[in-house]
């Protein structure tokens, strides 16, 4: 099976979400990511990151589990879920 190449919009969503996770006020970045998220995968990523920034650990866990069933290669979502579960900051890297 050939994996399709990610679109430019997908790459931009990844960049915006990653930046939002470490920015002091990433809400604007997440809003931009939401505006260009064209696929279910990208919309789920934005929703997971938004829940993480709000501190909603239960929602992060539920959304990440669902997302990772379909996209087990998504390291960013796995990292967000881990940080949320362990009550750490993405910036801490632990």
Protein backbone atom coordinates (compact mmCIF):
# COMPACT_ATOMS: atom_id res chain seq x y z
CA UNK A 1 0.00 0.00 0.00
CA UNK A 2 1.36 3.41 -0.97
CA UNK A 3 0.95 6.16 1.61
CA UNK A 4 -0.15 9.43 0.01
CA UNK A 5 2.09 12.44 0.47
CA UNK A 6 0.80 14.97 2.99
CA UNK A 7 -0.69 18.10 1.53
CA UNK A 8 0.75 21.55 2.07
CA UNK A 9 -2.28 22.34 4.26
CA UNK A 10 -1.58 19.28 6.40
CA UNK A 11 2.02 20.36 6.91
CA UNK A 12 0.87 23.85 7.85
CA UNK A 13 -1.64 22.43 10.36
CA UNK A 14 1.17 20.39 11.93
CA UNK A 15 3.39 23.46 12.21
CA UNK A 16 0.65 25.61 13.70
CA UNK A 17 -0.41 22.98 16.23
CA UNK A 18 3.17 22.30 17.27
CA UNK A 19 3.82 26.01 17.73
CA UNK A 20 0.55 26.43 19.65
CA UNK A 21 1.58 23.76 22.13
CA UNK A 22 4.69 25.68 23.18
CA UNK A 23 3.54 29.28 22.68
CA UNK A 24 2.45 31.22 25.77
CA UNK A 25 -0.83 32.04 23.99
CA UNK A 26 -1.33 29.45 21.28
CA UNK A 27 -5.08 29.95 20.94
CA UNK A 28 -4.69 32.13 17.87
CA UNK A 29 -2.42 29.56 16.26
CA UNK A 30 -4.96 26.83 16.96
CA UNK A 31 -7.70 29.00 15.45
CA UNK A 32 -5.59 29.37 12.29
CA UNK A 33 -4.97 25.61 12.21
CA UNK A 34 -8.69 24.97 12.62
CA UNK A 35 -9.42 27.27 9.70
CA UNK A 36 -7.20 25.33 7.29
CA UNK A 37 -7.74 21.80 8.62
CA UNK A 38 -9.27 20.10 5.59
CA UNK A 39 -9.21 16.46 6.68
CA UNK A 40 -10.68 14.54 9.58
CA UNK A 41 -7.14 13.71 10.70
CA UNK A 42 -6.19 17.40 10.87
CA UNK A 43 -9.44 18.44 12.56
CA UNK A 44 -8.92 15.74 15.18
CA UNK A 45 -5.35 16.93 15.77
CA UNK A 46 -6.57 20.49 16.34
CA UNK A 47 -9.30 19.28 18.71
CA UNK A 48 -6.80 17.21 20.72
CA UNK A 49 -4.36 20.11 20.98
CA UNK A 50 -7.18 22.47 21.99
CA UNK A 51 -8.33 20.10 24.74
CA UNK A 52 -4.73 19.76 25.92
CA UNK A 53 -4.27 23.54 26.15
CA UNK A 54 -7.51 23.78 28.17
CA UNK A 55 -6.28 21.07 30.54
CA UNK A 56 -9.13 18.68 29.72
CA UNK A 57 -7.21 15.45 30.27
CA UNK A 58 -10.22 13.16 29.91
CA UNK A 59 -11.13 14.64 26.53
CA UNK A 60 -7.50 14.46 25.35
CA UNK A 61 -7.39 10.80 26.34
CA UNK A 62 -10.65 9.92 24.58
CA UNK A 63 -9.87 11.85 21.40
CA UNK A 64 -6.26 10.65 21.22
CA UNK A 65 -7.24 7.01 21.66
CA UNK A 66 -9.79 7.29 18.87
CA UNK A 67 -7.36 9.16 16.61
CA UNK A 68 -4.49 6.73 17.17
CA UNK A 69 -6.64 3.75 16.18
CA UNK A 70 -6.83 5.17 12.66
CA UNK A 71 -3.46 6.97 12.66
CA UNK A 72 -1.05 4.97 14.85
CA UNK A 73 1.91 6.75 13.25
CA UNK A 74 0.93 10.17 14.59
CA UNK A 75 3.76 10.84 17.02
CA UNK A 76 2.52 14.33 17.87
CA UNK A 77 -0.85 13.04 19.09
CA UNK A 78 0.88 10.28 21.06
CA UNK A 79 3.15 12.91 22.68
CA UNK A 80 0.20 15.18 23.54
CA UNK A 81 -1.66 12.24 25.11
CA UNK A 82 1.40 11.21 27.09
CA UNK A 83 2.02 14.75 28.36
CA UNK A 84 -1.63 15.11 29.30
CA UNK A 85 -1.71 11.76 31.09
CA UNK A 86 1.49 12.50 33.01
CA UNK A 87 0.53 16.12 33.75
CA UNK A 88 3.64 17.48 32.03
CA UNK A 89 4.14 20.33 29.66
CA UNK A 90 5.04 19.67 26.04
CA UNK A 91 7.81 22.25 26.59
CA UNK A 92 9.34 20.17 29.39
CA UNK A 93 9.94 17.27 27.04
CA UNK A 94 9.57 14.74 29.84
